[in-house]
Amino acid sequence: METVACIVQEGFAPFEFGLACEAFGLDRSNDGVPNFDFRVVAPHPGAIPSKLGYSLNVENDLSFAYEADLVVFCPVPREYWSTIDPLLIEVARDAVARGAWVLTICSGSFILGASGVLDGRRATTHWMYSDVMADMYPQIDVDPDVLFVQDGRIITSAGTAAGIDACLHLLRQELGAELTNRIARRMVVPPQRDGGQAQFIDRPIPVVPNDSLAAVADWAVSHLREDLGVDQLAARALMSPRTFARRFKAEYGATPAAWLARQRVLHAQRMLERSDVPLDRIAQECGFGSAAVLRQNFARVLGTTPTAYRARFSCADDLEAMPAPEPTAA
């Protein structure tokens, strides 16, 4: 992926537009991250008014979007959902037909709905709009409970910060875990939240700071090679297993087992990129026990094999002199 077109239209949401610029438009070559040819485009160039009373001057029409490797659709104001600009529909259909990446943030998915490219596919949008989208486009399997959905080379994401997760998810497939983690650290965000993680978390911020399970999560990430279970984690949190499991899902949006499996895959990705360590040893270090179990989890989470992932993303030679970063809880 080398070229990125970010599409805005009248009434665009500044934050969601900004996060696309942050993820794909900044020069991070000093961190060893390759730059993209990133351009902001619009169906009708000129002064594009935002929803907050100021305008963005966009010089480029949609021509670049017809050749870009990735087309990003920013949110669409509610008043335009039933009258999507035909120019945007054409771009969406073209991008999917030629196999480009397509990513929508929040209500940007309504453009894809209107274009028909999501028919028969699973997709998501902000949980507040999911019922409307399902009613307007019954051919789409709308999932209101996840942060983002990838179906082929189409990624649809939920509201606001979930767009960051979707962007990082795509970057991880194109750049690998190590370089994407550098981007996440620069953005000061968790390097990975699963697409299947719940959009609506009961307690996104603990009522009392000391009440958070972050210390237990951090400890678990540093002990992934051990046989960790709910009973052991609950004992460390001084809770009953049932209470711990309920509280963990409320705070992290995933069960302890699903969260641990994802942390182990992330650690395996980093080891595959940074070293030539055999798969059996990586499996042991990450807590999978055997290379066979590692392969199963890789196929389930990433849709590829550890060997294929290493062949594509290995940067052991480049990172030989660099200390490996400590894994952090996501």
Protein backbone atom coordinates (compact mmCIF):
# COMPACT_ATOMS: atom_id res chain seq x y z
CA MET A 1 0.00 0.00 0.00
CA GLU A 2 1.54 3.28 -1.14
CA THR A 3 -1.29 5.71 -1.93
CA VAL A 4 -4.19 6.84 0.28
CA ALA A 5 -7.19 8.99 -0.66
CA CYS A 6 -9.21 10.42 2.21
CA ILE A 7 -12.65 11.60 1.08
CA VAL A 8 -14.47 14.44 2.82
CA GLN A 9 -17.76 16.08 2.00
CA GLU A 10 -19.94 18.87 3.35
CA GLY A 11 -20.58 18.47 7.07
CA PHE A 12 -17.51 16.29 7.68
CA ALA A 13 -16.57 15.43 11.26
CA PRO A 14 -13.19 17.05 12.13
CA PHE A 15 -12.03 14.44 14.65
CA GLU A 16 -12.66 11.43 12.42
CA PHE A 17 -11.05 13.25 9.48
CA GLY A 18 -8.08 14.11 11.68
CA LEU A 19 -7.49 10.56 12.81
CA ALA A 20 -7.25 9.41 9.17
CA CYS A 21 -4.66 12.12 8.60
CA GLU A 22 -2.82 11.04 11.75
CA ALA A 23 -2.78 7.37 10.79
CA PHE A 24 -1.81 7.68 7.13
CA GLY A 25 -0.70 11.25 6.40
CA LEU A 26 2.16 12.08 8.79
CA ASP A 27 5.84 11.75 7.97
CA ARG A 28 7.22 9.07 10.31
CA SER A 29 10.29 8.22 8.28
CA ASN A 30 12.51 9.09 11.27
CA ASP A 31 10.89 6.13 13.04
CA GLY A 32 11.58 3.83 10.10
CA VAL A 33 7.95 3.90 8.98
CA PRO A 34 7.42 4.30 5.22
CA ASN A 35 5.41 7.33 4.14
CA PHE A 36 2.21 7.12 2.10
CA ASP A 37 1.21 9.42 -0.73
CA PHE A 38 -1.76 10.79 1.24
CA ARG A 39 -4.22 13.20 -0.35
CA VAL A 40 -7.48 14.72 0.83
CA VAL A 41 -10.10 14.66 -1.93
CA ALA A 42 -13.71 15.76 -2.29
CA PRO A 43 -16.53 15.23 -4.77
CA HIS A 44 -16.75 18.99 -5.15
CA PRO A 45 -13.37 20.67 -4.41
CA GLY A 46 -13.17 24.05 -2.74
CA ALA A 47 -14.21 25.19 0.70
CA ILE A 48 -15.80 22.17 2.41
CA PRO A 49 -17.77 23.22 5.53
CA SER A 50 -17.40 21.05 8.61
CA LYS A 51 -20.16 20.34 11.09
CA LEU A 52 -18.52 22.78 13.55
CA GLY A 53 -18.80 25.98 11.55
CA TYR A 54 -15.44 26.19 9.79
CA SER A 55 -14.32 25.04 6.35
CA LEU A 56 -11.50 22.97 4.92
CA ASN A 57 -10.07 24.02 1.58
CA VAL A 58 -9.75 20.87 -0.54
CA GLU A 59 -7.96 21.25 -3.86
CA ASN A 60 -8.28 17.69 -5.18
CA ASP A 61 -11.31 16.16 -6.86
CA LEU A 62 -11.98 12.40 -6.78
CA SER A 63 -9.57 11.50 -9.60
CA PHE A 64 -6.86 10.33 -7.20
CA ALA A 65 -9.37 8.07 -5.40
CA TYR A 66 -9.72 6.01 -8.59
CA GLU A 67 -6.06 4.97 -8.39
CA ALA A 68 -5.39 4.96 -4.64
CA ASP A 69 -4.45 1.73 -2.87
CA LEU A 70 -6.65 2.75 0.05
CA VAL A 71 -9.81 4.85 -0.03
CA VAL A 72 -10.98 6.24 3.33
CA PHE A 73 -14.57 7.44 3.68
CA CYS A 74 -15.11 9.88 6.55
CA PRO A 75 -18.48 10.07 8.36
CA VAL A 76 -21.55 11.22 6.46
CA PRO A 77 -23.94 13.69 8.16
CA ARG A 78 -27.31 12.15 8.97
CA GLU A 79 -29.16 14.50 6.61
CA TYR A 80 -27.28 12.95 3.64
CA TRP A 81 -27.81 9.27 4.46
CA SER A 82 -30.76 8.87 2.10
CA THR A 83 -29.20 10.99 -0.67
CA ILE A 84 -25.60 9.81 -0.96
CA ASP A 85 -23.69 11.70 -3.65
CA PRO A 86 -23.57 9.50 -6.82
CA LEU A 87 -19.91 10.50 -7.25
CA LEU A 88 -19.08 8.81 -3.94
CA ILE A 89 -21.06 5.72 -4.89
CA GLU A 90 -19.05 5.40 -8.10
CA VAL A 91 -15.74 5.68 -6.22
CA ALA A 92 -16.80 3.02 -3.71
CA ARG A 93 -17.83 0.58 -6.42
CA ASP A 94 -14.63 1.17 -8.38
CA ALA A 95 -12.38 0.70 -5.35
CA VAL A 96 -13.99 -2.61 -4.41
CA ALA A 97 -14.03 -3.84 -8.01
CA ARG A 98 -10.31 -3.26 -8.51
CA GLY A 99 -9.36 -4.77 -5.13
CA ALA A 100 -8.25 -1.60 -3.34
CA TRP A 101 -8.51 -1.31 0.42
CA VAL A 102 -11.66 0.53 1.54
CA LEU A 103 -12.05 1.85 5.09
CA THR A 104 -15.02 3.69 6.54
CA ILE A 105 -15.13 5.58 9.81
CA CYS A 106 -18.40 5.73 11.73
CA SER A 107 -21.28 6.68 9.39
CA GLY A 108 -19.01 6.58 6.34
CA SER A 109 -20.35 3.04 6.02
CA PHE A 110 -23.63 4.50 4.71
CA ILE A 111 -21.79 5.35 1.48
CA LEU A 112 -20.86 1.71 1.02
CA GLY A 113 -24.41 0.71 1.91
CA ALA A 114 -25.81 2.96 -0.81
CA SER A 115 -23.27 1.64 -3.33
CA GLY A 116 -24.31 -1.98 -2.79
CA VAL A 117 -20.75 -3.21 -2.16
CA LEU A 118 -21.73 -4.39 1.34
CA ASP A 119 -24.65 -6.51 0.18
CA GLY A 120 -24.21 -10.01 1.61
CA ARG A 121 -21.33 -8.85 3.78
CA ARG A 122 -20.91 -8.22 7.49
CA ALA A 123 -20.28 -4.60 8.50
CA THR A 124 -20.61 -2.17 11.38
CA THR A 125 -21.14 1.48 12.16
CA HIS A 126 -21.68 3.53 15.33
CA TRP A 127 -24.02 1.63 17.65
CA MET A 128 -26.41 4.62 17.67
CA TYR A 129 -26.87 4.28 13.89
CA SER A 130 -26.78 0.50 13.44
CA ASP A 131 -30.56 0.01 13.52
CA VAL A 132 -31.03 2.72 10.89
CA MET A 133 -28.40 1.14 8.67
CA ALA A 134 -29.95 -2.31 9.05
CA ASP A 135 -33.38 -0.94 8.14
CA MET A 136 -32.07 1.00 5.13
CA TYR A 137 -29.92 -1.87 3.85
CA PRO A 138 -31.38 -5.22 4.96
CA GLN A 139 -28.95 -7.05 2.63
CA ILE A 140 -26.10 -6.08 4.99
CA ASP A 141 -25.33 -8.11 8.12
CA VAL A 142 -24.94 -5.12 10.47
CA ASP A 143 -23.13 -5.94 13.72
CA PRO A 144 -23.73 -3.18 16.30
CA ASP A 145 -21.54 -4.71 19.00
CA VAL A 146 -18.01 -4.54 17.58
CA LEU A 147 -15.32 -1.90 17.07
CA PHE A 148 -14.67 -2.75 13.44
CA VAL A 149 -15.31 -5.47 10.87
CA GLN A 150 -13.05 -6.62 8.06
CA ASP A 151 -14.72 -8.44 5.17
CA GLY A 152 -12.18 -9.07 2.44
CA ARG A 153 -10.48 -5.73 1.79
CA ILE A 154 -13.36 -3.68 3.19
CA ILE A 155 -13.08 -2.42 6.77
CA THR A 156 -16.01 -0.68 8.45
CA SER A 157 -15.59 0.85 11.89
CA ALA A 158 -17.72 2.19 14.68
CA GLY A 159 -17.69 5.73 16.04
CA THR A 160 -14.79 8.04 16.83
CA ALA A 161 -11.91 6.18 18.54
CA ALA A 162 -12.89 2.87 16.91
CA GLY A 163 -11.69 4.47 13.69
CA ILE A 164 -8.19 4.57 15.18
CA ASP A 165 -8.41 0.86 15.93
CA ALA A 166 -9.51 0.14 12.37
CA CYS A 167 -6.67 2.21 10.91
CA LEU A 168 -4.09 0.43 13.08
CA HIS A 169 -5.63 -2.93 12.15
CA LEU A 170 -5.11 -2.14 8.46
CA LEU A 171 -1.60 -0.79 9.03
CA ARG A 172 -0.69 -3.96 10.88
CA GLN A 173 -1.59 -6.01 7.82
CA GLU A 174 0.46 -3.76 5.54
CA LEU A 175 3.43 -2.87 7.77
CA GLY A 176 3.50 -5.58 10.42
CA ALA A 177 3.15 -5.36 14.20
CA GLU A 178 6.50 -3.72 14.99
CA LEU A 179 6.12 -0.67 12.73
CA THR A 180 2.43 -0.32 13.60
CA ASN A 181 3.28 -0.35 17.30
CA ARG A 182 5.69 2.53 16.65
CA ILE A 183 2.84 4.47 15.06
CA ALA A 184 0.56 3.64 18.00
CA ARG A 185 3.19 4.79 20.50
CA ARG A 186 3.52 8.10 18.64
CA MET A 187 -0.26 8.46 18.74
CA VAL A 188 -0.24 7.50 22.45
CA VAL A 189 -2.96 4.88 21.98
CA PRO A 190 -3.10 1.14 22.74
CA PRO A 191 -1.39 -0.75 19.90
CA GLN A 192 -4.30 -3.16 19.45
CA ARG A 193 -7.94 -3.49 20.35
CA ASP A 194 -9.70 -6.41 18.75
CA GLY A 195 -12.36 -5.65 16.17
CA GLY A 196 -14.62 -8.04 18.06
CA GLN A 197 -14.26 -6.05 21.26
CA ALA A 198 -17.51 -4.47 22.39
CA GLN A 199 -18.34 -0.94 21.24
CA PHE A 200 -20.18 -0.15 24.43
CA ILE A 201 -18.20 -1.01 27.55
CA ASP A 202 -20.10 -0.73 30.83
CA ARG A 203 -17.27 1.00 32.65
CA PRO A 204 -14.73 2.46 30.19
CA ILE A 205 -13.23 4.48 33.06
CA PRO A 206 -13.12 2.93 36.56
CA VAL A 207 -15.17 4.79 39.13
CA VAL A 208 -12.23 4.56 41.55
CA PRO A 209 -8.68 4.43 40.08
CA ASN A 210 -7.60 1.68 42.50
CA ASP A 211 -10.57 -0.36 41.27
CA SER A 212 -9.06 -0.90 37.81
CA LEU A 213 -7.78 -4.29 36.71
CA ALA A 214 -4.92 -2.69 34.77
CA ALA A 215 -2.29 -3.96 37.22
CA VAL A 216 -3.49 -7.54 36.76
CA ALA A 217 -3.58 -7.12 32.97
CA ASP A 218 -0.03 -5.71 32.96
CA TRP A 219 1.14 -8.62 35.09
CA ALA A 220 -0.52 -11.12 32.75
CA VAL A 221 1.18 -9.60 29.70
CA SER A 222 4.57 -10.02 31.35
CA HIS A 223 3.80 -13.67 32.23
CA LEU A 224 2.23 -14.88 29.00
CA ARG A 225 4.36 -18.03 28.88
CA GLU A 226 2.69 -19.28 32.07
CA ASP A 227 -0.54 -21.28 32.20
CA LEU A 228 -2.87 -18.40 33.01
CA GLY A 229 -6.52 -18.93 33.78
CA VAL A 230 -9.39 -17.00 35.31
CA ASP A 231 -8.81 -18.60 38.71
CA GLN A 232 -5.17 -17.46 38.83
CA LEU A 233 -5.93 -13.94 37.60
CA ALA A 234 -8.89 -13.62 39.95
CA ALA A 235 -6.75 -14.66 42.91
CA ARG A 236 -4.21 -11.98 41.99
CA ALA A 237 -7.04 -9.42 41.85
CA LEU A 238 -8.37 -10.71 45.22
CA MET A 239 -11.73 -11.53 43.66
CA SER A 240 -13.84 -14.59 43.05
CA PRO A 241 -13.44 -16.00 39.50
CA ARG A 242 -17.03 -15.10 38.64
CA THR A 243 -16.69 -11.51 39.82
CA PHE A 244 -13.33 -11.12 38.12
CA ALA A 245 -14.62 -12.43 34.77
CA ARG A 246 -17.61 -10.07 34.91
CA ARG A 247 -15.50 -7.07 35.91
CA PHE A 248 -12.79 -7.85 33.34
CA LYS A 249 -15.26 -7.94 30.46
CA ALA A 250 -16.85 -4.70 31.69
CA GLU A 251 -13.46 -2.96 31.72
CA TYR A 252 -11.81 -4.52 28.64
CA GLY A 253 -14.78 -5.44 26.46
CA ALA A 254 -13.61 -9.06 26.09
CA THR A 255 -13.46 -12.20 28.18
CA PRO A 256 -10.16 -12.92 29.97
CA ALA A 257 -9.54 -15.93 27.72
CA ALA A 258 -10.15 -14.01 24.48
CA TRP A 259 -8.03 -11.09 25.68
CA LEU A 260 -5.15 -13.39 26.69
CA ALA A 261 -5.23 -15.20 23.35
CA ARG A 262 -4.95 -11.89 21.51
CA GLN A 263 -2.06 -10.71 23.70
CA ARG A 264 -0.24 -13.96 22.97
CA VAL A 265 -0.73 -13.53 19.23
CA LEU A 266 0.58 -9.97 19.45
CA HIS A 267 3.67 -11.13 21.35
CA ALA A 268 4.21 -13.87 18.76
CA GLN A 269 3.98 -11.29 15.97
CA ARG A 270 6.71 -9.20 17.58
CA MET A 271 8.96 -12.23 18.07
CA LEU A 272 8.46 -13.36 14.46
CA GLU A 273 9.36 -9.90 13.20
CA ARG A 274 12.33 -9.32 15.46
CA SER A 275 14.05 -12.71 15.60
CA ASP A 276 14.83 -16.00 13.88
CA VAL A 277 13.71 -17.99 16.92
CA PRO A 278 12.10 -21.34 15.95
CA LEU A 279 8.31 -21.60 16.10
CA ASP A 280 8.33 -24.13 18.95
CA ARG A 281 10.23 -21.72 21.18
CA ILE A 282 8.01 -18.78 20.20
CA ALA A 283 4.96 -20.87 21.04
CA GLN A 284 6.40 -21.63 24.49
CA GLU A 285 7.39 -18.03 25.16
CA CYS A 286 3.91 -16.80 24.22
CA GLY A 287 2.05 -19.43 26.24
CA PHE A 288 0.67 -21.46 23.34
CA GLY A 289 2.65 -24.54 24.33
CA SER A 290 3.24 -25.92 20.84
CA ALA A 291 3.80 -24.68 17.31
CA ALA A 292 0.55 -26.37 16.27
CA VAL A 293 -1.50 -24.29 18.71
CA LEU A 294 0.39 -21.16 17.62
CA ARG A 295 -0.53 -21.89 13.99
CA GLN A 296 -4.18 -22.40 14.91
CA ASN A 297 -4.38 -19.06 16.71
CA PHE A 298 -2.53 -17.26 13.91
CA ALA A 299 -4.94 -18.64 11.33
CA ARG A 300 -7.95 -17.68 13.45
CA VAL A 301 -6.83 -14.13 14.29
CA LEU A 302 -4.71 -13.10 11.29
CA GLY A 303 -5.78 -15.47 8.53
CA THR A 304 -2.20 -16.51 7.79
CA THR A 305 0.57 -18.78 9.10
CA PRO A 306 3.47 -17.79 11.38
CA THR A 307 5.93 -18.74 8.63
CA ALA A 308 4.19 -16.60 6.02
CA TYR A 309 3.95 -13.71 8.48
CA ARG A 310 7.67 -13.89 9.25
CA ALA A 311 8.57 -14.02 5.57
CA ARG A 312 6.60 -10.83 4.93
CA PHE A 313 7.35 -8.75 8.00
CA SER A 314 10.71 -9.91 9.36
CA CYS A 315 12.88 -6.96 10.30
CA ALA A 316 15.37 -8.83 12.48
CA ASP A 317 18.36 -7.42 10.60
CA ASP A 318 17.14 -3.82 10.93
CA LEU A 319 16.35 -4.19 14.61
CA GLU A 320 19.39 -6.23 15.62
CA ALA A 321 20.92 -3.40 17.59
CA MET A 322 17.65 -2.17 19.08
CA PRO A 323 16.32 -3.41 22.43
CA ALA A 324 12.97 -5.13 22.09
CA PRO A 325 10.17 -3.10 23.68
CA GLU A 326 8.35 -4.61 26.63
CA PRO A 327 4.88 -5.90 25.70
CA THR A 328 2.09 -3.68 27.00
CA ALA A 329 -1.50 -4.50 27.76
CA ALA A 330 -3.95 -3.41 25.08
